[in-house]
């Protein structure tokens, strides 16, 4: 369930563009107005605002926001204002350029395993348009050989998105997964093929069959193989397929616990899920950590940045 709240009567894109122009023009910026407008519009409405703003004022709304806002607030607002496929394409590019820990590759798994098939296709198209190469090419050029096969297969897939489950197939493929894990062949073609092609409902049934047949969950048995990058990546894949809300609850939690805040991860979790399932993420967060997601975000952020994140969480002032 989405957390984004829209006004009962949504103003026209022209009216919203004029409000934003007034908010960012002249001496000082009216950050509250920016939040009231953009924080209460869905993806299609934001796209229309951006197009109308460009037509009216012959400049990019994104560029104007970049020049007028600052810090974490600016980063969150711009990430939100991007069309979702472009947003994920840019997040994927940043992750691949980082070339650091497995954590940076989370966004690729989220795009492939916690998004709709049509969204994944749109992200790949946006990636080609923005960066003059395919997402698959950049994965091959940037990612360690042990991870390439799985990631390329995941982002290249187009899963059937309706409820379709075959119990016998689930049992058979649970057996294939168990055999590969028992032999510690985590890059086995069966593992890659099953995880990257089966629809999410079929995979969840396969995971359930695995636990029923072998006592342990698939994740537990993968962990027993070691603590390498491939093991970590497979755990992310399974988590995003089986429990996407729990995955994003963990992303939020990891971003705010400890010393300092990982604003990039916090932004990604809240911005990308606000129109999808952020209410479910909030519920899972409370179950997993016995704490309020809203309270923890408020306690770890401040100023307009905090106000904007809370608006996306459905807790800010109503848009007009």
Protein backbone atom coordinates (compact mmCIF):
# COMPACT_ATOMS: atom_id res chain seq x y z
CA UNK A 1 0.00 0.00 0.00
CA UNK A 2 1.29 3.43 -0.95
CA UNK A 3 1.87 6.10 1.68
CA UNK A 4 1.66 9.04 -0.74
CA UNK A 5 -1.31 11.32 -0.07
CA UNK A 6 -2.89 13.30 -2.88
CA UNK A 7 -5.29 16.23 -2.50
CA UNK A 8 -8.96 15.55 -3.23
CA UNK A 9 -8.80 17.97 -6.14
CA UNK A 10 -5.44 18.00 -7.92
CA UNK A 11 -4.55 21.37 -9.47
CA UNK A 12 -3.61 21.56 -13.13
CA UNK A 13 0.06 21.11 -14.14
CA UNK A 14 0.07 24.77 -15.20
CA UNK A 15 -1.11 25.90 -11.77
CA UNK A 16 1.46 23.69 -10.02
CA UNK A 17 4.21 24.95 -12.34
CA UNK A 18 3.33 28.52 -11.52
CA UNK A 19 3.42 27.77 -7.78
CA UNK A 20 6.82 26.12 -8.11
CA UNK A 21 8.16 28.98 -10.24
CA UNK A 22 7.11 31.47 -7.60
CA UNK A 23 8.64 29.28 -4.87
CA UNK A 24 12.08 29.12 -6.51
CA UNK A 25 12.29 32.56 -8.09
CA UNK A 26 13.51 35.76 -6.52
CA UNK A 27 15.15 36.24 -3.14
CA UNK A 28 15.15 33.01 -1.16
CA UNK A 29 13.34 29.75 -1.82
CA UNK A 30 10.00 28.71 -0.39
CA UNK A 31 10.90 25.13 0.54
CA UNK A 32 7.54 24.52 2.20
CA UNK A 33 5.74 25.28 -1.05
CA UNK A 34 8.02 22.90 -2.94
CA UNK A 35 7.12 20.17 -0.45
CA UNK A 36 3.39 20.98 -0.59
CA UNK A 37 3.32 20.68 -4.37
CA UNK A 38 5.75 17.91 -5.28
CA UNK A 39 5.25 15.91 -2.08
CA UNK A 40 1.57 15.41 -2.91
CA UNK A 41 1.69 14.47 -6.60
CA UNK A 42 2.03 11.01 -8.11
CA UNK A 43 4.53 10.05 -10.80
CA UNK A 44 2.29 10.92 -13.75
CA UNK A 45 1.35 14.27 -12.22
CA UNK A 46 5.00 15.11 -11.50
CA UNK A 47 5.91 14.22 -15.07
CA UNK A 48 3.22 16.55 -16.40
CA UNK A 49 4.40 19.32 -14.08
CA UNK A 50 7.96 18.92 -15.36
CA UNK A 51 6.84 19.04 -18.98
CA UNK A 52 4.59 22.05 -18.40
CA UNK A 53 7.28 23.89 -16.43
CA UNK A 54 9.71 23.37 -19.32
CA UNK A 55 7.16 24.71 -21.81
CA UNK A 56 6.23 27.74 -19.72
CA UNK A 57 9.69 28.85 -18.61
CA UNK A 58 12.06 27.21 -21.10
CA UNK A 59 14.12 25.59 -18.38
CA UNK A 60 14.28 22.22 -16.67
CA UNK A 61 12.46 21.93 -13.36
CA UNK A 62 15.13 19.48 -12.18
CA UNK A 63 17.89 21.97 -13.01
CA UNK A 64 16.08 24.77 -11.19
CA UNK A 65 15.53 22.61 -8.10
CA UNK A 66 19.19 21.64 -8.17
CA UNK A 67 20.28 25.28 -8.18
CA UNK A 68 17.79 26.50 -5.55
CA UNK A 69 17.77 23.66 -3.00
CA UNK A 70 20.68 22.18 -1.08
CA UNK A 71 21.97 19.20 0.85
CA UNK A 72 19.99 16.06 1.61
CA UNK A 73 16.72 17.91 1.02
CA UNK A 74 17.74 18.71 -2.55
CA UNK A 75 18.87 15.14 -3.19
CA UNK A 76 15.60 13.68 -1.93
CA UNK A 77 13.39 16.15 -3.84
CA UNK A 78 15.25 15.64 -7.11
CA UNK A 79 15.22 11.86 -6.73
CA UNK A 80 11.46 12.06 -6.16
CA UNK A 81 10.88 14.40 -9.12
CA UNK A 82 12.57 12.13 -11.65
CA UNK A 83 10.28 9.88 -13.66
CA UNK A 84 10.54 6.48 -11.85
CA UNK A 85 12.34 4.61 -14.69
CA UNK A 86 14.88 7.42 -15.05
CA UNK A 87 15.26 7.53 -11.27
CA UNK A 88 16.12 3.84 -11.09
CA UNK A 89 18.39 4.08 -14.13
CA UNK A 90 20.39 6.84 -12.44
CA UNK A 91 20.50 4.90 -9.16
CA UNK A 92 21.78 1.86 -11.03
CA UNK A 93 24.48 3.90 -12.76
CA UNK A 94 25.64 5.35 -9.44
CA UNK A 95 25.74 1.89 -7.90
CA UNK A 96 27.84 0.51 -10.74
CA UNK A 97 30.24 3.47 -10.65
CA UNK A 98 30.79 3.02 -6.90
CA UNK A 99 32.49 -0.39 -7.35
CA UNK A 100 32.59 -0.98 -3.62
CA UNK A 101 30.71 -3.32 -1.31
CA UNK A 102 27.86 -5.60 -2.27
CA UNK A 103 25.59 -3.03 -0.60
CA UNK A 104 25.92 -0.79 -3.65
CA UNK A 105 24.43 -3.48 -5.87
CA UNK A 106 21.24 -3.65 -3.82
CA UNK A 107 19.51 -1.25 -6.18
CA UNK A 108 20.03 -3.62 -9.13
CA UNK A 109 18.40 -6.46 -7.20
CA UNK A 110 15.55 -4.17 -6.11
CA UNK A 111 14.88 -3.12 -9.72
CA UNK A 112 14.90 -6.72 -10.95
CA UNK A 113 13.15 -8.47 -8.06
CA UNK A 114 11.00 -5.88 -6.25
CA UNK A 115 9.57 -4.07 -9.28
CA UNK A 116 7.08 -4.97 -11.98
CA UNK A 117 8.37 -6.51 -15.24
CA UNK A 118 7.19 -3.46 -17.18
CA UNK A 119 9.08 -1.13 -14.85
CA UNK A 120 12.27 -3.15 -15.33
CA UNK A 121 11.92 -2.83 -19.10
CA UNK A 122 11.35 0.92 -18.76
CA UNK A 123 14.45 1.25 -16.56
CA UNK A 124 16.57 -0.56 -19.14
CA UNK A 125 15.24 1.70 -21.88
CA UNK A 126 15.91 4.81 -19.79
CA UNK A 127 19.42 3.56 -19.02
CA UNK A 128 20.23 3.20 -22.72
CA UNK A 129 18.86 6.67 -23.47
CA UNK A 130 20.74 8.35 -20.63
CA UNK A 131 24.10 6.60 -20.84
CA UNK A 132 24.44 5.34 -24.44
CA UNK A 133 24.95 1.75 -23.39
CA UNK A 134 22.88 -1.02 -21.91
CA UNK A 135 22.55 -1.80 -18.23
CA UNK A 136 23.81 -5.31 -18.99
CA UNK A 137 26.96 -3.95 -20.65
CA UNK A 138 27.77 -1.81 -17.64
CA UNK A 139 27.21 -4.71 -15.26
CA UNK A 140 29.65 -6.84 -17.24
CA UNK A 141 32.19 -3.99 -17.28
CA UNK A 142 31.83 -3.05 -13.61
CA UNK A 143 30.91 -6.10 -11.55
CA UNK A 144 33.12 -8.94 -10.33
CA UNK A 145 32.99 -12.06 -12.54
CA UNK A 146 31.40 -14.15 -9.76
CA UNK A 147 28.35 -11.86 -9.71
CA UNK A 148 27.92 -10.99 -13.38
CA UNK A 149 25.95 -14.01 -14.54
CA UNK A 150 23.30 -13.68 -11.86
CA UNK A 151 22.91 -9.90 -12.15
CA UNK A 152 22.78 -9.87 -15.94
CA UNK A 153 20.17 -12.63 -15.90
CA UNK A 154 18.08 -10.80 -13.31
CA UNK A 155 18.01 -7.44 -15.10
CA UNK A 156 17.42 -9.11 -18.49
CA UNK A 157 14.37 -11.07 -17.36
CA UNK A 158 10.73 -10.40 -18.11
CA UNK A 159 8.73 -12.37 -15.60
CA UNK A 160 5.09 -13.30 -15.99
CA UNK A 161 3.33 -10.98 -13.54
CA UNK A 162 0.06 -12.83 -12.88
CA UNK A 163 -0.63 -15.42 -10.18
CA UNK A 164 0.48 -18.72 -11.71
CA UNK A 165 1.80 -21.51 -9.48
CA UNK A 166 2.61 -25.14 -10.22
CA UNK A 167 3.26 -27.14 -7.05
CA UNK A 168 5.07 -29.98 -8.81
CA UNK A 169 7.42 -27.56 -10.53
CA UNK A 170 8.03 -25.85 -7.18
CA UNK A 171 9.03 -29.16 -5.57
CA UNK A 172 11.26 -30.11 -8.50
CA UNK A 173 13.03 -26.76 -8.52
CA UNK A 174 13.40 -26.73 -4.74
CA UNK A 175 15.26 -30.02 -5.18
CA UNK A 176 17.52 -28.52 -7.84
CA UNK A 177 18.29 -25.56 -5.61
CA UNK A 178 19.08 -27.85 -2.69
CA UNK A 179 21.41 -30.01 -4.76
CA UNK A 180 23.35 -27.00 -6.04
CA UNK A 181 23.67 -25.53 -2.54
CA UNK A 182 24.69 -28.86 -1.02
CA UNK A 183 27.49 -29.04 -3.59
CA UNK A 184 28.33 -25.38 -2.92
CA UNK A 185 27.77 -24.49 -6.58
CA UNK A 186 26.04 -21.18 -6.00
CA UNK A 187 26.69 -20.02 -9.57
CA UNK A 188 24.96 -23.13 -10.88
CA UNK A 189 22.87 -22.49 -13.99
CA UNK A 190 19.78 -23.96 -12.29
CA UNK A 191 19.99 -21.37 -9.48
CA UNK A 192 20.46 -18.49 -11.91
CA UNK A 193 17.75 -19.70 -14.29
CA UNK A 194 15.16 -20.37 -11.59
CA UNK A 195 15.67 -17.09 -9.74
CA UNK A 196 15.76 -14.94 -12.86
CA UNK A 197 12.91 -16.38 -14.93
CA UNK A 198 10.16 -17.75 -12.71
CA UNK A 199 7.31 -15.45 -11.72
CA UNK A 200 7.37 -14.18 -8.14
CA UNK A 201 4.39 -16.27 -7.03
CA UNK A 202 6.00 -19.46 -8.34
CA UNK A 203 9.27 -18.59 -6.62
CA UNK A 204 7.57 -17.98 -3.29
CA UNK A 205 5.96 -21.41 -3.58
CA UNK A 206 9.37 -22.91 -4.39
CA UNK A 207 10.88 -21.25 -1.32
CA UNK A 208 8.05 -22.65 0.82
CA UNK A 209 8.54 -26.13 -0.63
CA UNK A 210 12.26 -25.89 0.06
CA UNK A 211 11.63 -25.25 3.75
CA UNK A 212 9.06 -28.05 3.96
CA UNK A 213 11.37 -30.53 2.26
CA UNK A 214 14.68 -29.65 3.90
CA UNK A 215 13.74 -28.05 7.26
CA UNK A 216 15.92 -24.99 6.68
CA UNK A 217 14.98 -21.98 4.61
CA UNK A 218 16.79 -21.38 1.34
CA UNK A 219 18.52 -18.37 2.89
CA UNK A 220 19.78 -20.40 5.84
CA UNK A 221 21.36 -22.99 3.59
CA UNK A 222 22.95 -20.34 1.39
CA UNK A 223 24.45 -18.71 4.49
CA UNK A 224 25.97 -22.05 5.44
CA UNK A 225 28.05 -21.89 2.24
CA UNK A 226 30.01 -18.89 3.49
CA UNK A 227 29.99 -15.10 3.69
CA UNK A 228 31.18 -14.15 0.24
CA UNK A 229 29.68 -11.63 -2.16
CA UNK A 230 27.72 -14.23 -4.10
CA UNK A 231 26.13 -15.56 -0.92
CA UNK A 232 25.20 -12.00 0.08
CA UNK A 233 23.80 -11.25 -3.37
CA UNK A 234 21.67 -14.40 -3.40
CA UNK A 235 20.33 -13.54 0.03
CA UNK A 236 19.29 -10.10 -1.30
CA UNK A 237 17.59 -11.68 -4.30
CA UNK A 238 15.57 -14.10 -2.20
CA UNK A 239 14.66 -11.41 0.33
CA UNK A 240 13.47 -8.98 -2.39
CA UNK A 241 11.39 -11.71 -4.05
CA UNK A 242 9.91 -13.24 -0.91
CA UNK A 243 9.64 -10.26 1.47
CA UNK A 244 10.19 -6.93 -0.35
CA UNK A 245 8.60 -4.95 2.49
CA UNK A 246 10.98 -6.53 5.02
CA UNK A 247 13.91 -5.81 2.74
CA UNK A 248 13.09 -2.12 2.54
CA UNK A 249 12.39 -1.98 6.27
CA UNK A 250 15.93 -3.27 6.76
CA UNK A 251 17.31 -0.72 4.30
CA UNK A 252 15.70 2.06 6.37
CA UNK A 253 16.93 0.56 9.64
CA UNK A 254 20.49 0.10 8.42
CA UNK A 255 20.56 3.67 7.12
CA UNK A 256 19.76 5.24 10.49
CA UNK A 257 21.36 3.00 13.11
CA UNK A 258 24.94 3.48 14.24
CA UNK A 259 27.12 6.52 13.76
CA UNK A 260 25.75 8.94 11.18
CA UNK A 261 22.97 8.51 8.64
CA UNK A 262 23.21 6.90 5.21
CA UNK A 263 20.96 9.44 3.52
CA UNK A 264 21.33 7.89 0.06
CA UNK A 265 19.91 4.56 1.25
CA UNK A 266 17.22 6.26 3.31
CA UNK A 267 16.16 8.37 0.32
CA UNK A 268 16.11 5.35 -1.96
CA UNK A 269 13.91 3.29 0.33
CA UNK A 270 11.37 6.01 1.04
CA UNK A 271 11.29 7.67 -2.38
CA UNK A 272 11.09 4.48 -4.45
CA UNK A 273 8.43 2.80 -2.28
CA UNK A 274 6.18 5.76 -1.39
CA UNK A 275 3.91 4.99 -4.36
CA UNK A 276 4.11 1.21 -3.95
CA UNK A 277 4.14 -0.32 -0.47
CA UNK A 278 5.59 2.08 2.08
CA UNK A 279 2.69 1.47 4.50
CA UNK A 280 3.61 -2.22 4.46
CA UNK A 281 7.26 -1.32 4.97
CA UNK A 282 6.25 0.72 8.01
CA UNK A 283 4.28 -2.25 9.41
CA UNK A 284 7.18 -4.68 8.88
CA UNK A 285 9.60 -2.21 10.42
CA UNK A 286 7.55 -2.13 13.61
CA UNK A 287 7.39 -5.94 13.71
CA UNK A 288 11.08 -6.43 13.04
CA UNK A 289 12.56 -3.71 15.25
CA UNK A 290 9.83 -3.02 17.83
CA UNK A 291 10.12 0.63 16.94
CA UNK A 292 8.24 3.20 14.87
CA UNK A 293 9.71 3.89 11.45
CA UNK A 294 8.25 7.39 11.52
CA UNK A 295 9.76 8.17 14.94
CA UNK A 296 13.15 6.80 13.93
CA UNK A 297 13.23 8.84 10.72
CA UNK A 298 12.22 11.99 12.64
CA UNK A 299 14.90 11.30 15.22
CA UNK A 300 17.63 10.92 12.61
CA UNK A 301 16.82 13.76 10.21
CA UNK A 302 16.05 17.46 10.49
CA UNK A 303 14.71 20.57 8.78
CA UNK A 304 13.07 20.53 5.39
CA UNK A 305 14.69 17.19 4.65
CA UNK A 306 12.81 15.61 7.55
CA UNK A 307 9.60 17.40 6.54
CA UNK A 308 9.85 16.09 2.99
CA UNK A 309 10.49 12.48 4.02
CA UNK A 310 7.58 12.63 6.45
CA UNK A 311 5.36 13.99 3.68
CA UNK A 312 6.22 10.97 1.53
CA UNK A 313 5.46 8.78 4.54
CA UNK A 314 2.00 10.35 4.60
CA UNK A 315 2.60 12.36 7.76
CA UNK A 316 3.20 15.85 6.37
CA UNK A 317 0.65 18.64 5.80
CA UNK A 318 -1.96 17.96 3.12
CA UNK A 319 -1.22 19.27 -0.33
CA UNK A 320 -3.44 21.94 -1.78
